[in-house]
């Protein structure tokens, strides 16, 4: 599978509008080459560089989606609730997109799409719950990485 965004290239900067400094809307995503036999798709977006890329201590979860229809080949920008699927809980304990808001440095944001051989039927899963449920059911996966660094005016110091 391949995962792309029309908002940024793999390894490129995520536009401000998709971050906490902007209007914080989810970026558009598209994918190709979903394997035959896929019954659902899942998406996890996380930041392995939290809180400081020079001394990462945790992976911060920004978005969790599950049970997306395999007939779907994209997600629109500013997606509230997918037409078919479940929105899980991010690390702000919200069932929504939470855009980049790094306290210091340039962070990497991993958009990970999974093709699954089943429908999971989870309600508002966390990343950990989704990963446990997906174990043994992943047919394929694709990753897109975006980066973001807050402007100097909004960086926290001290």
N, C-alpha and C. Protein backbone atom coordinates (compact mmCIF):
# COMPACT_ATOMS: atom_id res chain seq x y z
N UNK A 1 0.85 -1.18 0.00
CA UNK A 1 0.00 0.00 0.00
C UNK A 1 0.89 1.24 0.00
N UNK A 2 0.31 2.32 -0.46
CA UNK A 2 0.99 3.61 -0.42
C UNK A 2 0.03 4.65 0.16
N UNK A 3 0.54 5.47 1.08
CA UNK A 3 -0.24 6.51 1.74
C UNK A 3 0.38 7.86 1.39
N UNK A 4 -0.45 8.80 0.93
CA UNK A 4 0.02 10.12 0.55
C UNK A 4 -0.93 11.20 1.06
N UNK A 5 -0.46 12.44 0.98
CA UNK A 5 -1.30 13.59 1.29
C UNK A 5 -1.04 14.67 0.26
N UNK A 6 -2.08 15.35 -0.18
CA UNK A 6 -1.89 16.47 -1.10
C UNK A 6 -1.44 17.71 -0.34
N UNK A 7 -1.43 17.66 1.00
CA UNK A 7 -1.03 18.81 1.82
C UNK A 7 0.48 18.86 2.08
N UNK A 8 1.14 17.69 2.08
CA UNK A 8 2.59 17.65 2.33
C UNK A 8 3.15 16.36 1.74
N UNK A 9 4.43 16.40 1.39
CA UNK A 9 5.08 15.21 0.84
C UNK A 9 5.68 14.38 1.98
N UNK A 10 6.00 13.14 1.73
CA UNK A 10 6.61 12.28 2.73
C UNK A 10 7.92 12.92 3.21
N UNK A 11 8.03 13.12 4.52
CA UNK A 11 9.20 13.75 5.09
C UNK A 11 9.14 15.27 5.11
N UNK A 12 8.07 15.83 4.53
CA UNK A 12 7.94 17.28 4.42
C UNK A 12 7.18 17.90 5.59
N UNK A 13 7.14 19.22 5.57
CA UNK A 13 6.50 20.01 6.62
C UNK A 13 4.98 19.95 6.50
N UNK A 14 4.32 19.69 7.61
CA UNK A 14 2.86 19.73 7.67
C UNK A 14 2.44 21.20 7.69
N UNK A 15 1.53 21.62 6.82
CA UNK A 15 1.10 23.02 6.80
C UNK A 15 0.48 23.46 8.13
N UNK A 16 0.69 24.72 8.49
CA UNK A 16 0.21 25.29 9.75
C UNK A 16 -1.28 25.06 9.95
N UNK A 17 -2.08 25.12 8.90
CA UNK A 17 -3.53 24.96 9.07
C UNK A 17 -3.92 23.62 9.70
N UNK A 18 -3.04 22.62 9.60
CA UNK A 18 -3.32 21.29 10.15
C UNK A 18 -2.74 21.11 11.55
N UNK A 19 -2.31 22.23 12.19
CA UNK A 19 -1.66 22.17 13.48
C UNK A 19 -2.41 23.00 14.52
N UNK A 20 -1.97 22.89 15.77
CA UNK A 20 -2.57 23.68 16.85
C UNK A 20 -2.29 25.17 16.68
N UNK A 21 -1.28 25.53 15.90
CA UNK A 21 -1.01 26.95 15.63
C UNK A 21 -1.97 27.51 14.58
N UNK A 22 -2.56 26.63 13.80
CA UNK A 22 -3.49 27.04 12.75
C UNK A 22 -4.92 26.75 13.17
N UNK A 23 -5.73 26.32 12.20
CA UNK A 23 -7.13 26.01 12.51
C UNK A 23 -7.32 24.55 12.92
N UNK A 24 -6.21 23.80 12.93
CA UNK A 24 -6.18 22.43 13.47
C UNK A 24 -7.20 21.50 12.81
N UNK A 25 -7.17 21.46 11.48
CA UNK A 25 -8.01 20.52 10.75
C UNK A 25 -7.15 19.36 10.25
N UNK A 26 -7.74 18.19 10.18
CA UNK A 26 -7.00 17.02 9.71
C UNK A 26 -6.59 17.21 8.25
N UNK A 27 -5.41 16.71 7.88
CA UNK A 27 -4.98 16.83 6.50
C UNK A 27 -5.68 15.80 5.60
N UNK A 28 -5.76 16.10 4.31
CA UNK A 28 -6.32 15.10 3.39
C UNK A 28 -5.32 13.95 3.23
N UNK A 29 -5.83 12.74 3.16
CA UNK A 29 -5.00 11.55 2.97
C UNK A 29 -5.60 10.72 1.84
N UNK A 30 -4.73 10.03 1.12
CA UNK A 30 -5.19 9.12 0.06
C UNK A 30 -4.29 7.90 0.06
N UNK A 31 -4.84 6.77 -0.40
CA UNK A 31 -4.04 5.55 -0.44
C UNK A 31 -4.40 4.73 -1.66
N UNK A 32 -3.44 3.88 -2.02
CA UNK A 32 -3.58 2.98 -3.17
C UNK A 32 -3.10 1.59 -2.79
N UNK A 33 -3.42 0.65 -3.66
CA UNK A 33 -2.92 -0.73 -3.55
C UNK A 33 -3.33 -1.44 -2.27
N UNK A 34 -4.59 -1.26 -1.87
CA UNK A 34 -5.12 -1.99 -0.72
C UNK A 34 -5.20 -3.47 -1.14
N UNK A 35 -4.67 -4.37 -0.33
CA UNK A 35 -4.64 -5.78 -0.74
C UNK A 35 -6.02 -6.43 -0.80
N UNK A 36 -6.12 -7.37 -1.68
CA UNK A 36 -7.33 -8.19 -1.78
C UNK A 36 -7.57 -8.88 -0.44
N UNK A 37 -8.81 -8.98 -0.04
CA UNK A 37 -9.14 -9.62 1.23
C UNK A 37 -9.22 -8.65 2.39
N UNK A 38 -8.97 -7.36 2.14
CA UNK A 38 -9.07 -6.36 3.20
C UNK A 38 -10.53 -6.16 3.57
N UNK A 39 -10.83 -6.27 4.86
CA UNK A 39 -12.20 -6.07 5.35
C UNK A 39 -12.40 -4.71 6.01
N UNK A 40 -11.29 -4.12 6.49
CA UNK A 40 -11.35 -2.78 7.08
C UNK A 40 -9.96 -2.17 7.09
N UNK A 41 -9.93 -0.85 7.29
CA UNK A 41 -8.68 -0.10 7.40
C UNK A 41 -8.64 0.60 8.74
N UNK A 42 -7.44 0.82 9.26
CA UNK A 42 -7.26 1.56 10.51
C UNK A 42 -6.13 2.56 10.29
N UNK A 43 -6.21 3.68 11.00
CA UNK A 43 -5.20 4.72 10.89
C UNK A 43 -4.79 5.18 12.29
N UNK A 44 -3.49 5.28 12.49
CA UNK A 44 -2.93 5.83 13.72
C UNK A 44 -1.96 6.93 13.32
N UNK A 45 -2.09 8.10 13.96
CA UNK A 45 -1.13 9.18 13.75
C UNK A 45 -0.51 9.47 15.11
N UNK A 46 0.83 9.37 15.16
CA UNK A 46 1.50 9.64 16.43
C UNK A 46 2.84 10.34 16.21
N UNK A 47 3.37 10.84 17.32
CA UNK A 47 4.60 11.62 17.36
C UNK A 47 5.57 10.90 18.29
N UNK A 48 6.60 10.21 17.74
CA UNK A 48 7.55 9.49 18.59
C UNK A 48 8.60 10.40 19.22
N UNK A 49 8.55 11.69 18.94
CA UNK A 49 9.58 12.62 19.42
C UNK A 49 9.16 13.43 20.64
N UNK A 50 8.07 13.07 21.30
CA UNK A 50 7.57 13.88 22.42
C UNK A 50 8.37 13.62 23.69
N UNK A 51 8.58 14.63 24.50
CA UNK A 51 8.27 16.03 24.25
C UNK A 51 9.38 16.76 23.49
N UNK A 52 10.60 16.19 23.47
CA UNK A 52 11.76 16.84 22.87
C UNK A 52 12.45 15.84 21.95
N UNK A 53 12.62 16.17 20.65
CA UNK A 53 13.25 15.22 19.75
C UNK A 53 14.67 14.82 20.14
N UNK A 54 15.34 15.67 20.91
CA UNK A 54 16.68 15.34 21.39
C UNK A 54 16.66 14.41 22.60
N UNK A 55 15.49 14.29 23.24
CA UNK A 55 15.34 13.42 24.40
C UNK A 55 13.90 12.91 24.46
N UNK A 56 13.49 12.11 23.45
CA UNK A 56 12.10 11.64 23.43
C UNK A 56 11.80 10.76 24.65
N UNK A 57 10.63 10.99 25.24
CA UNK A 57 10.24 10.25 26.43
C UNK A 57 8.97 9.42 26.21
N UNK A 58 8.19 9.80 25.19
CA UNK A 58 6.93 9.11 24.95
C UNK A 58 6.53 9.29 23.48
N UNK A 59 5.59 8.50 23.05
CA UNK A 59 4.98 8.67 21.73
C UNK A 59 3.59 9.23 21.97
N UNK A 60 3.34 10.43 21.43
CA UNK A 60 2.07 11.13 21.65
C UNK A 60 1.12 10.81 20.50
N UNK A 61 -0.09 10.38 20.82
CA UNK A 61 -1.08 9.96 19.83
C UNK A 61 -1.97 11.13 19.45
N UNK A 62 -2.05 11.40 18.13
CA UNK A 62 -2.82 12.52 17.62
C UNK A 62 -4.15 12.13 17.00
N UNK A 63 -4.26 10.89 16.49
CA UNK A 63 -5.50 10.49 15.81
C UNK A 63 -5.56 8.98 15.75
N UNK A 64 -6.75 8.44 15.97
CA UNK A 64 -7.00 6.99 15.89
C UNK A 64 -8.31 6.80 15.14
N UNK A 65 -8.26 6.05 14.04
CA UNK A 65 -9.47 5.70 13.28
C UNK A 65 -9.46 4.19 13.05
N UNK A 66 -10.62 3.57 13.14
CA UNK A 66 -10.71 2.14 12.86
C UNK A 66 -11.98 1.83 12.09
N UNK A 67 -12.02 0.62 11.55
CA UNK A 67 -13.17 0.11 10.79
C UNK A 67 -13.55 1.01 9.62
N UNK A 68 -12.55 1.62 8.98
CA UNK A 68 -12.81 2.35 7.75
C UNK A 68 -13.09 1.35 6.64
N UNK A 69 -14.01 1.67 5.77
CA UNK A 69 -14.38 0.78 4.68
C UNK A 69 -13.22 0.60 3.71
N UNK A 70 -12.95 -0.63 3.28
CA UNK A 70 -11.89 -0.85 2.29
C UNK A 70 -12.26 -0.30 0.91
N UNK A 71 -13.54 0.08 0.73
CA UNK A 71 -13.96 0.71 -0.52
C UNK A 71 -13.47 2.16 -0.58
N UNK A 72 -13.17 2.72 0.54
CA UNK A 72 -12.70 4.11 0.65
C UNK A 72 -11.23 4.17 0.23
N UNK A 73 -10.86 5.23 -0.49
CA UNK A 73 -9.46 5.38 -0.90
C UNK A 73 -8.86 6.72 -0.47
N UNK A 74 -9.59 7.44 0.39
CA UNK A 74 -9.09 8.73 0.87
C UNK A 74 -9.89 9.21 2.07
N UNK A 75 -9.33 10.20 2.73
CA UNK A 75 -10.03 10.94 3.78
C UNK A 75 -9.93 12.40 3.41
N UNK A 76 -11.04 13.09 3.43
CA UNK A 76 -11.06 14.52 3.11
C UNK A 76 -10.37 15.32 4.20
N UNK A 77 -9.90 16.50 3.82
CA UNK A 77 -9.39 17.45 4.80
C UNK A 77 -10.51 17.81 5.77
N UNK A 78 -10.15 18.06 7.02
CA UNK A 78 -11.09 18.48 8.04
C UNK A 78 -12.18 17.43 8.27
N UNK A 79 -11.75 16.19 8.30
CA UNK A 79 -12.69 15.09 8.52
C UNK A 79 -13.15 15.10 9.97
N UNK A 80 -14.43 15.22 10.17
CA UNK A 80 -14.98 15.13 11.53
C UNK A 80 -15.12 13.68 11.90
N UNK A 81 -16.17 13.07 11.48
CA UNK A 81 -16.39 11.64 11.67
C UNK A 81 -16.40 10.98 10.30
N UNK A 82 -15.65 9.89 10.16
CA UNK A 82 -15.70 9.20 8.87
C UNK A 82 -17.09 8.64 8.63
N UNK A 83 -17.51 8.61 7.39
CA UNK A 83 -18.84 8.10 7.04
C UNK A 83 -19.01 6.66 7.49
N UNK A 84 -17.96 5.88 7.37
CA UNK A 84 -17.98 4.50 7.81
C UNK A 84 -16.73 4.27 8.65
N UNK A 85 -16.89 4.00 9.91
CA UNK A 85 -15.74 3.76 10.77
C UNK A 85 -15.91 4.35 12.15
N UNK A 86 -14.90 4.16 12.97
CA UNK A 86 -14.90 4.62 14.35
C UNK A 86 -13.75 5.59 14.58
N UNK A 87 -13.99 6.63 15.38
CA UNK A 87 -12.94 7.55 15.78
C UNK A 87 -12.53 7.16 17.19
N UNK A 88 -11.24 6.88 17.36
CA UNK A 88 -10.73 6.51 18.67
C UNK A 88 -10.27 7.72 19.46
N UNK A 89 -9.74 7.47 20.64
CA UNK A 89 -9.29 8.52 21.54
C UNK A 89 -7.81 8.82 21.35
N UNK A 90 -7.50 10.11 21.20
CA UNK A 90 -6.09 10.52 21.13
C UNK A 90 -5.58 10.76 22.55
N UNK A 91 -4.35 11.24 22.68
CA UNK A 91 -3.78 11.42 24.01
C UNK A 91 -4.28 12.66 24.73
N UNK A 92 -5.15 13.43 24.11
CA UNK A 92 -5.88 14.50 24.79
C UNK A 92 -7.23 13.97 25.29
N UNK A 93 -7.46 12.65 25.09
CA UNK A 93 -8.70 11.98 25.49
C UNK A 93 -9.90 12.51 24.71
N UNK A 94 -9.65 12.89 23.43
CA UNK A 94 -10.72 13.35 22.55
C UNK A 94 -10.83 12.39 21.37
N UNK A 95 -12.04 12.17 20.93
CA UNK A 95 -12.28 11.35 19.74
C UNK A 95 -12.26 12.30 18.54
N UNK A 96 -11.06 12.72 18.16
CA UNK A 96 -10.91 13.72 17.11
C UNK A 96 -9.45 13.80 16.69
N UNK A 97 -9.22 14.50 15.58
CA UNK A 97 -7.87 14.87 15.16
C UNK A 97 -7.33 15.90 16.14
N UNK A 98 -6.10 15.74 16.54
CA UNK A 98 -5.40 16.74 17.35
C UNK A 98 -4.09 17.03 16.65
N UNK A 99 -3.98 18.18 16.04
CA UNK A 99 -2.82 18.50 15.22
C UNK A 99 -1.55 18.72 16.00
N UNK A 100 -0.42 18.74 15.27
CA UNK A 100 0.88 18.95 15.90
C UNK A 100 0.91 20.20 16.77
N UNK A 101 1.57 20.06 17.92
CA UNK A 101 1.75 21.17 18.87
C UNK A 101 3.03 20.92 19.67
N UNK A 102 4.16 20.73 18.98
CA UNK A 102 5.37 20.35 19.71
C UNK A 102 5.87 21.47 20.63
N UNK A 103 6.22 21.12 21.87
CA UNK A 103 6.69 22.14 22.80
C UNK A 103 8.09 22.66 22.45
N UNK A 104 8.90 21.82 21.81
CA UNK A 104 10.26 22.22 21.46
C UNK A 104 10.74 21.39 20.26
N UNK A 105 11.47 22.02 19.37
CA UNK A 105 12.11 21.30 18.27
C UNK A 105 11.17 20.88 17.15
N UNK A 106 11.77 20.27 16.14
CA UNK A 106 11.02 19.72 14.99
C UNK A 106 10.68 18.27 15.28
N UNK A 107 9.40 17.96 15.24
CA UNK A 107 8.92 16.60 15.51
C UNK A 107 8.51 15.91 14.22
N UNK A 108 8.54 14.58 14.24
CA UNK A 108 8.05 13.75 13.14
C UNK A 108 6.68 13.19 13.52
N UNK A 109 5.76 13.23 12.57
CA UNK A 109 4.41 12.73 12.78
C UNK A 109 4.19 11.57 11.83
N UNK A 110 3.97 10.38 12.39
CA UNK A 110 3.82 9.16 11.61
C UNK A 110 2.34 8.89 11.38
N UNK A 111 1.94 8.90 10.13
CA UNK A 111 0.58 8.53 9.70
C UNK A 111 0.68 7.08 9.24
N UNK A 112 0.07 6.16 9.98
CA UNK A 112 0.20 4.73 9.69
C UNK A 112 -1.16 4.14 9.34
N UNK A 113 -1.26 3.63 8.12
CA UNK A 113 -2.50 3.03 7.65
C UNK A 113 -2.33 1.51 7.61
N UNK A 114 -3.33 0.80 8.12
CA UNK A 114 -3.28 -0.66 8.19
C UNK A 114 -4.47 -1.25 7.43
N UNK A 115 -4.20 -2.25 6.61
CA UNK A 115 -5.25 -3.05 5.97
C UNK A 115 -5.44 -4.29 6.83
N UNK A 116 -6.69 -4.54 7.23
CA UNK A 116 -6.98 -5.64 8.14
C UNK A 116 -7.89 -6.68 7.50
N UNK A 117 -7.76 -7.92 7.94
CA UNK A 117 -8.58 -9.01 7.39
C UNK A 117 -9.91 -9.17 8.13
N UNK A 118 -10.24 -8.19 8.99
CA UNK A 118 -11.49 -8.26 9.74
C UNK A 118 -11.98 -6.85 10.07
N UNK A 119 -13.21 -6.76 10.53
CA UNK A 119 -13.76 -5.54 11.09
C UNK A 119 -13.65 -5.71 12.60
N UNK A 120 -13.06 -4.73 13.27
CA UNK A 120 -12.76 -4.88 14.69
C UNK A 120 -13.95 -4.59 15.61
N UNK A 121 -14.81 -3.65 15.23
CA UNK A 121 -15.99 -3.36 16.04
C UNK A 121 -15.70 -2.69 17.37
N UNK A 122 -14.60 -1.98 17.46
CA UNK A 122 -14.26 -1.27 18.70
C UNK A 122 -14.98 0.07 18.76
N UNK A 123 -15.30 0.51 19.95
CA UNK A 123 -15.94 1.81 20.13
C UNK A 123 -14.95 2.73 20.84
N UNK A 124 -14.54 3.80 20.16
CA UNK A 124 -13.61 4.81 20.69
C UNK A 124 -12.33 4.20 21.26
N UNK A 125 -11.63 3.36 20.47
CA UNK A 125 -10.43 2.73 21.00
C UNK A 125 -9.27 3.71 21.17
N UNK A 126 -8.42 3.42 22.14
CA UNK A 126 -7.14 4.11 22.24
C UNK A 126 -6.19 3.44 21.25
N UNK A 127 -5.03 4.03 21.04
CA UNK A 127 -4.03 3.41 20.17
C UNK A 127 -3.67 2.02 20.68
N UNK A 128 -3.44 1.88 21.98
CA UNK A 128 -3.05 0.59 22.55
C UNK A 128 -4.15 -0.46 22.34
N UNK A 129 -5.40 -0.08 22.55
CA UNK A 129 -6.50 -1.02 22.34
C UNK A 129 -6.61 -1.42 20.87
N UNK A 130 -6.43 -0.45 19.98
CA UNK A 130 -6.49 -0.76 18.55
C UNK A 130 -5.35 -1.68 18.15
N UNK A 131 -4.14 -1.39 18.62
CA UNK A 131 -3.00 -2.24 18.27
C UNK A 131 -3.18 -3.67 18.78
N UNK A 132 -3.70 -3.82 19.99
CA UNK A 132 -3.96 -5.17 20.51
C UNK A 132 -4.98 -5.91 19.64
N UNK A 133 -6.05 -5.22 19.27
CA UNK A 133 -7.10 -5.85 18.46
C UNK A 133 -6.61 -6.19 17.05
N UNK A 134 -5.68 -5.38 16.52
CA UNK A 134 -5.16 -5.61 15.17
C UNK A 134 -4.17 -6.77 15.09
N UNK A 135 -3.57 -7.14 16.21
CA UNK A 135 -2.53 -8.18 16.22
C UNK A 135 -3.02 -9.44 15.50
N UNK A 136 -2.25 -9.87 14.53
CA UNK A 136 -2.57 -11.07 13.75
C UNK A 136 -3.55 -10.83 12.62
N UNK A 137 -3.99 -9.59 12.42
CA UNK A 137 -4.98 -9.28 11.39
C UNK A 137 -4.48 -8.30 10.33
N UNK A 138 -3.23 -7.87 10.42
CA UNK A 138 -2.69 -6.88 9.48
C UNK A 138 -2.22 -7.56 8.20
N UNK A 139 -2.85 -7.16 7.07
CA UNK A 139 -2.47 -7.68 5.76
C UNK A 139 -1.37 -6.84 5.13
N UNK A 140 -1.41 -5.55 5.39
CA UNK A 140 -0.43 -4.63 4.82
C UNK A 140 -0.48 -3.33 5.62
N UNK A 141 0.59 -2.55 5.52
CA UNK A 141 0.59 -1.24 6.16
C UNK A 141 1.41 -0.26 5.32
N UNK A 142 1.09 1.00 5.51
CA UNK A 142 1.79 2.08 4.79
C UNK A 142 2.00 3.22 5.77
N UNK A 143 3.11 3.92 5.61
CA UNK A 143 3.43 5.04 6.50
C UNK A 143 3.76 6.28 5.70
N UNK A 144 3.27 7.41 6.18
CA UNK A 144 3.58 8.73 5.65
C UNK A 144 4.09 9.54 6.83
N UNK A 145 5.21 10.22 6.67
CA UNK A 145 5.78 11.01 7.76
C UNK A 145 5.76 12.48 7.38
N UNK A 146 5.21 13.28 8.28
CA UNK A 146 5.25 14.73 8.15
C UNK A 146 6.02 15.29 9.33
N UNK A 147 6.55 16.49 9.18
CA UNK A 147 7.28 17.12 10.28
C UNK A 147 6.65 18.47 10.61
N UNK A 148 6.93 18.93 11.82
CA UNK A 148 6.46 20.25 12.20
C UNK A 148 7.28 20.80 13.34
N UNK A 149 7.55 22.10 13.26
CA UNK A 149 8.21 22.85 14.32
C UNK A 149 7.42 24.14 14.51
N UNK A 150 7.07 24.45 15.74
CA UNK A 150 6.33 25.69 16.00
C UNK A 150 7.18 26.89 15.64
N UNK A 151 6.49 27.98 15.30
CA UNK A 151 7.21 29.22 15.03
C UNK A 151 7.88 29.70 16.32
N UNK A 152 8.93 30.46 16.19
CA UNK A 152 9.70 30.92 17.36
C UNK A 152 8.83 31.65 18.37
N UNK A 153 7.83 32.39 17.92
CA UNK A 153 6.99 33.17 18.82
C UNK A 153 6.18 32.26 19.76
N UNK A 154 5.89 31.05 19.35
CA UNK A 154 5.03 30.19 20.18
C UNK A 154 5.80 29.08 20.88
N UNK A 155 7.10 28.95 20.65
CA UNK A 155 7.88 27.94 21.33
C UNK A 155 7.96 28.27 22.83
N UNK A 156 7.82 27.27 23.64
CA UNK A 156 7.96 27.47 25.08
C UNK A 156 9.43 27.45 25.44
N UNK A 157 9.83 28.31 26.33
CA UNK A 157 11.21 28.38 26.77
C UNK A 157 11.27 28.06 28.26
N UNK A 158 12.45 27.53 28.66
CA UNK A 158 12.64 27.32 30.10
C UNK A 158 12.49 25.94 30.55
